[in-house]
Protein backbone atom coordinates (compact mmCIF):
# COMPACT_ATOMS: atom_id res chain seq x y z
CA MET A 1 -22.02 -52.23 -55.42
CA ILE A 2 -23.54 -51.94 -52.17
CA ASP A 3 -26.45 -54.26 -51.33
CA GLU A 4 -29.54 -53.24 -52.12
CA ILE A 5 -31.90 -54.28 -49.80
CA LEU A 6 -32.63 -51.02 -48.36
CA ASP A 7 -33.99 -51.51 -44.76
CA ILE A 8 -35.13 -47.76 -43.68
CA ASN A 9 -34.24 -48.10 -39.99
CA LYS A 10 -30.88 -48.50 -41.21
CA ILE A 11 -31.03 -45.58 -44.12
CA LEU A 12 -32.47 -43.42 -40.61
CA LYS A 13 -30.24 -44.33 -38.30
CA SER A 14 -26.96 -42.50 -41.19
CA SER A 15 -28.99 -40.01 -41.77
CA SER A 16 -29.19 -36.61 -40.21
CA ASP A 17 -32.12 -36.01 -37.42
CA ASN A 18 -33.79 -33.20 -39.68
CA ILE A 19 -34.20 -35.78 -41.97
CA SER A 20 -36.24 -38.62 -41.73
CA ILE A 21 -38.59 -40.86 -44.18
CA LYS A 22 -42.56 -41.51 -42.95
CA LYS A 23 -44.68 -44.08 -43.90
CA THR A 24 -47.87 -43.21 -45.40
CA LYS A 25 -50.68 -44.37 -47.28
CA LYS A 26 -49.42 -43.32 -50.41
CA GLY A 27 -45.79 -44.42 -49.84
CA LEU A 28 -42.42 -43.10 -48.36
CA MET A 29 -42.47 -39.54 -47.52
CA LEU A 30 -38.72 -37.61 -47.02
CA VAL A 31 -39.40 -35.32 -44.44
CA ASP A 32 -37.01 -32.21 -43.74
CA HIS A 33 -37.66 -30.86 -40.54
CA THR A 34 -35.28 -28.10 -40.86
CA ILE A 35 -37.33 -26.00 -43.77
CA LYS A 36 -40.42 -28.35 -42.50
CA MET A 37 -40.54 -29.74 -46.36
CA THR A 38 -42.21 -32.76 -47.18
CA PHE A 39 -41.62 -35.00 -50.97
CA SER A 40 -43.40 -37.83 -52.03
CA LEU A 41 -42.45 -39.55 -55.46
CA GLU A 42 -45.04 -41.16 -57.33
CA LEU A 43 -44.10 -42.40 -60.54
CA ASP A 44 -47.47 -42.26 -62.13
CA ASP A 45 -46.40 -38.53 -62.93
CA TYR A 46 -43.86 -39.18 -65.39
CA ASP A 47 -46.83 -39.73 -67.64
CA ASN A 48 -46.20 -36.27 -68.93
CA ILE A 49 -42.71 -36.54 -69.42
CA ILE A 50 -42.60 -39.83 -70.72
CA LYS A 51 -45.13 -38.44 -73.62
CA GLN A 52 -43.35 -35.76 -74.45
CA ASN A 53 -39.84 -38.33 -75.31
CA LYS A 54 -39.31 -36.68 -78.48
CA LYS A 55 -38.83 -33.40 -77.94
CA HIS A 56 -36.22 -33.80 -75.15
CA VAL A 57 -32.76 -33.01 -75.89
CA LEU A 58 -31.90 -36.66 -75.13
CA SER A 59 -33.81 -37.74 -78.16
CA LYS A 60 -31.05 -36.21 -80.78
CA ILE A 61 -28.57 -37.35 -78.85
CA LEU A 62 -29.66 -40.83 -79.26
CA LYS A 63 -30.48 -41.48 -82.09
CA LYS A 64 -30.87 -45.65 -82.67
CA ASN A 65 -32.94 -47.31 -79.88
CA GLN A 66 -31.85 -50.71 -78.18
CA LEU A 67 -29.34 -49.12 -76.71
CA THR A 68 -27.77 -50.41 -73.63
CA ILE A 69 -26.97 -46.96 -71.68
CA LEU A 70 -25.34 -46.58 -68.29
CA ASP A 71 -26.94 -43.50 -66.00
CA CYS A 72 -24.75 -42.56 -63.33
CA THR A 73 -26.44 -39.71 -61.96
CA GLY A 74 -29.94 -41.83 -61.34
CA GLY A 75 -31.51 -39.86 -58.42
CA PHE A 76 -35.49 -39.86 -58.84
CA ALA A 77 -34.61 -41.67 -62.19
CA ARG A 78 -35.82 -39.15 -64.47
CA ASP A 79 -33.79 -39.24 -67.51
CA SER A 80 -33.49 -43.10 -66.97
CA ALA A 81 -37.63 -42.62 -68.00
CA ILE A 82 -36.78 -40.36 -70.72
CA ILE A 83 -34.14 -42.99 -72.83
CA SER A 84 -36.18 -46.24 -71.78
CA SER A 85 -39.21 -44.54 -73.20
CA LEU A 86 -37.12 -44.23 -76.47
CA GLY A 87 -36.58 -47.58 -76.13
CA ASN A 88 -32.97 -48.35 -74.43
CA ASN A 89 -32.57 -50.31 -72.01
CA VAL A 90 -31.00 -48.34 -68.81
CA THR A 91 -29.18 -49.11 -65.47
CA MET A 92 -29.06 -46.67 -63.77
CA ILE A 93 -26.78 -46.21 -60.39
CA GLU A 94 -27.46 -43.88 -57.40
CA ASP A 95 -25.09 -43.25 -54.65
CA ASN A 96 -27.89 -41.76 -51.56
CA LEU A 97 -29.34 -44.40 -49.76
CA ILE A 98 -32.56 -42.20 -48.83
CA VAL A 99 -33.00 -41.37 -52.68
CA MET A 100 -32.75 -45.08 -53.65
CA ARG A 101 -35.39 -46.25 -50.67
CA ILE A 102 -37.57 -43.52 -51.85
CA LEU A 103 -37.22 -44.55 -55.41
CA LYS A 104 -37.60 -48.28 -55.13
CA ASP A 105 -41.03 -47.73 -53.22
CA ALA A 106 -42.61 -45.56 -56.25
CA MET A 107 -41.37 -47.65 -58.32
CA SER A 108 -43.72 -50.73 -56.24
CA ARG A 109 -46.76 -48.23 -56.62
CA ILE A 110 -46.68 -47.83 -60.31
CA GLN A 111 -50.11 -48.58 -62.08
CA LYS A 112 -50.17 -46.82 -65.59
CA LYS A 113 -48.88 -49.21 -68.23
CA GLU A 114 -46.82 -47.31 -70.09
CA VAL A 115 -44.97 -46.13 -67.03
CA ASP A 116 -44.52 -49.22 -65.71
CA TYR A 117 -43.59 -50.94 -68.84
CA THR A 118 -41.16 -47.97 -68.90
CA PHE A 119 -39.60 -48.66 -65.60
CA LYS A 120 -39.58 -52.43 -66.76
CA ARG A 121 -36.36 -51.21 -68.66
CA ILE A 122 -34.27 -49.83 -65.49
CA THR A 123 -31.76 -51.37 -63.45
CA THR A 124 -31.19 -49.78 -60.54
CA LYS A 125 -27.97 -50.28 -58.54
CA LEU A 126 -27.22 -48.03 -55.34
CA GLY A 127 -23.55 -47.71 -54.91
CA ASN A 128 -20.93 -45.20 -56.57
CA CYS A 129 -20.67 -44.88 -60.58
CA LEU A 130 -16.95 -45.40 -60.44
CA ASP A 131 -17.16 -48.76 -58.44
CA TYR A 132 -19.21 -49.28 -60.91
CA ILE A 133 -17.17 -48.73 -63.87
CA LYS A 134 -14.49 -50.48 -62.08
CA THR A 135 -15.93 -53.76 -61.47
CA THR A 136 -18.04 -54.57 -64.45
CA ASN A 137 -17.00 -55.56 -68.14
């Protein structure tokens, strides 16, 4: 797995000139200059997702709780949050430096108790899922 020190300057040097990350009072914001779009991640907004976890298709698949689940396509942890809120522990793998940096920033700013509790059961790993599977028991 890649070292998880996610220095913004290092990330920006490796990204496209059309994409940047800005520090704002509310946290990090992803900016796509080509299509003039911005994105900020607020995990406290996941409160509604977590409240509806029993209706989600994953609740039908995961019949037990206290499972250890590997989420190979982590992204912004939406599925991981649902799986965790159902009483499971999740290891979430994300390969994109920018996505992981924005996610880590958002995780550090969680204020809602239920959302914080959900994310405490999610372990994030930066890297390729296949590499993780090959090197982990």
